[in-house]
Amino acid sequence: MGPAFKRGPFALTIPLWLIVSFGIAVLVNGFAVWKGGPPERLTGIFLFVSAQITFLVADRRWMDVQFAVMCIDILAFGLFVALALFADRWWTLWTAGLQGLGVVIHLAFWAQQKVISLVYATALNLIGYAIFLTLVIGTIAHIRRKAERQRGAS
């Protein structure tokens, strides 16, 4: 399981996967907000907030379509497509594409619910980590671009 915290007569057990997932979200999104440009900051803030909302609204049994999570993912897809259209960053195309794949996974599970719920949950989580990876790569590219401009100006 994970570490247990005593609070009165109740014990709260936090699973290791939740600690790792939250830690990765804080590190990646914090890095993007700290070192990134406006597209990286917007994405970092949105991903962090949407991850927390998703955690609150998700049905932990994963037996049915996660309609609340699907709505959040559709909103994220719209934001990432708009960002890809208007930002001068190549990584936003990958982010929008991966988010679109996440929406398609929701729709596919809705259309054919014979798919094992574990596959549904795992696919959405892996896509989430891939989106974090695009944000890290995009933020590093922004830092390098900024450093090159400063070298060229001096």
Foldseek 3Di string as FASTA:
>chain_A
DADWDDDPPDIDGDDPVNVVVLVLLCVLLVLQCVQHDPVLVVVSVLLNVLVVVCVVQADVVLQAQSVVNLVSLVVVLVVLVVCCVPPPFPLSVVLNVLSVVLNVLSVVCNVPVVPDSVVNVVSNVVSSVVNSVSSNVRSVVRNVVVVVVVVVVD
